[in-house]
Amino acid sequence: MSRYIDADALKKRYREVAFKDGMTEGVVRFLIETNIDSAPSVVPQAKEGEWSLTLNDDYRCTACGLITSSYKANYCPNCGAKMKGAE
C-alpha cells in the first residue's frame, strides 16, 4: 500500500544515524530501510471544488482555475479536486 512520508523528518533521521564511524554498507542500508519504514506518514489534504460555468459556456474548476469545454468530470484532471455534487 502506498503512503506519503515526511521527507524532511526522514532526512533528519538519516543524518543522525547513517554517518557513524565504522559502519559497513550493509549496516547503512539496514538503517536507511528501517528509517524509511518507520518514517511518519503525512496525510494529504483533500481538495474540493466545483465546476462553474464561464461566459463562454466552458467549465472552470474553482480549486485551480482549469478551464475545460469537454466535460464535467467528478474530479479535476489538473489538480485532482473532487467536485461538489459529483456522482
Protein backbone atom coordinates (compact mmCIF):
# COMPACT_ATOMS: atom_id res chain seq x y z
CA MET A 1 0.00 0.00 0.00
CA SER A 2 1.36 3.43 -0.93
CA ARG A 3 1.76 6.10 1.70
CA TYR A 4 3.11 9.61 1.91
CA ILE A 5 6.09 10.18 4.18
CA ASP A 6 7.57 13.32 5.69
CA ALA A 7 10.77 13.69 3.65
CA ASP A 8 12.25 16.32 5.99
CA ALA A 9 11.82 14.07 9.03
CA LEU A 10 13.36 11.17 7.11
CA LYS A 11 16.40 13.24 6.08
CA LYS A 12 16.91 14.38 9.66
CA ARG A 13 16.78 10.80 10.97
CA TYR A 14 19.12 9.65 8.20
CA ARG A 15 21.70 12.33 9.08
CA GLU A 16 21.51 11.31 12.74
CA VAL A 17 22.31 7.64 12.17
CA ALA A 18 23.81 7.00 8.73
CA PHE A 19 27.23 8.62 9.03
CA LYS A 20 28.62 6.98 12.15
CA ASP A 21 32.26 5.82 12.02
CA GLY A 22 32.92 2.20 11.13
CA MET A 23 29.55 1.31 9.62
CA THR A 24 29.55 -1.18 6.79
CA GLU A 25 27.43 -0.75 3.67
CA GLY A 26 25.03 -3.44 4.92
CA VAL A 27 24.51 -1.65 8.23
CA VAL A 28 23.90 1.67 6.49
CA ARG A 29 21.41 0.02 4.09
CA PHE A 30 19.62 -1.61 7.03
CA LEU A 31 19.39 1.74 8.84
CA ILE A 32 18.06 3.51 5.74
CA GLU A 33 15.38 0.86 5.13
CA THR A 34 14.40 0.78 8.81
CA ASN A 35 14.09 4.57 8.90
CA ILE A 36 12.01 4.66 5.73
CA ASP A 37 9.66 2.01 7.11
CA SER A 38 9.24 3.89 10.39
CA ALA A 39 9.04 7.40 8.87
CA PRO A 40 5.98 9.39 9.90
CA SER A 41 3.16 9.35 7.36
CA VAL A 42 1.67 12.55 6.03
CA VAL A 43 -1.98 12.61 5.02
CA PRO A 44 -2.55 14.94 2.07
CA GLN A 45 -5.38 17.43 2.33
CA ALA A 46 -8.22 16.52 0.00
CA LYS A 47 -9.20 19.36 -2.31
CA GLU A 48 -12.79 20.11 -3.14
CA GLY A 49 -14.07 22.27 -5.91
CA GLU A 50 -16.96 22.92 -8.22
CA TRP A 51 -17.37 23.33 -11.94
CA SER A 52 -18.51 26.89 -12.52
CA LEU A 53 -19.91 27.92 -15.87
CA THR A 54 -17.91 30.63 -17.67
CA LEU A 55 -19.27 33.28 -20.02
CA ASN A 56 -18.08 31.17 -22.97
CA ASP A 57 -20.09 28.13 -21.78
CA ASP A 58 -16.92 26.38 -20.62
CA TYR A 59 -16.41 24.92 -17.16
CA ARG A 60 -13.88 26.32 -14.68
CA CYS A 61 -12.51 24.40 -11.67
CA THR A 62 -12.91 26.60 -8.59
CA ALA A 63 -9.95 24.89 -6.90
CA CYS A 64 -7.27 25.56 -9.52
CA GLY A 65 -8.86 27.60 -12.30
CA LEU A 66 -8.58 25.00 -15.06
CA ILE A 67 -10.99 25.75 -17.88
CA THR A 68 -12.37 22.89 -19.93
CA SER A 69 -15.10 22.68 -22.51
CA SER A 70 -15.18 18.95 -22.99
CA TYR A 71 -16.99 17.58 -19.95
CA LYS A 72 -17.79 17.95 -16.28
CA ALA A 73 -15.82 15.17 -14.57
CA ASN A 74 -16.15 14.04 -10.95
CA TYR A 75 -12.52 15.11 -10.37
CA CYS A 76 -10.47 17.92 -11.86
CA PRO A 77 -7.86 16.40 -14.22
CA ASN A 78 -5.42 19.21 -13.34
CA CYS A 79 -5.44 19.39 -9.52
CA GLY A 80 -7.38 16.28 -8.52
CA ALA A 81 -10.07 18.17 -6.60
CA LYS A 82 -13.28 16.24 -6.03
CA MET A 83 -16.15 18.21 -7.45
CA LYS A 84 -19.09 19.00 -5.19
CA GLY A 85 -22.24 17.33 -6.39
CA ALA A 86 -20.26 14.74 -8.32
CA GLU A 87 -21.91 11.35 -8.57
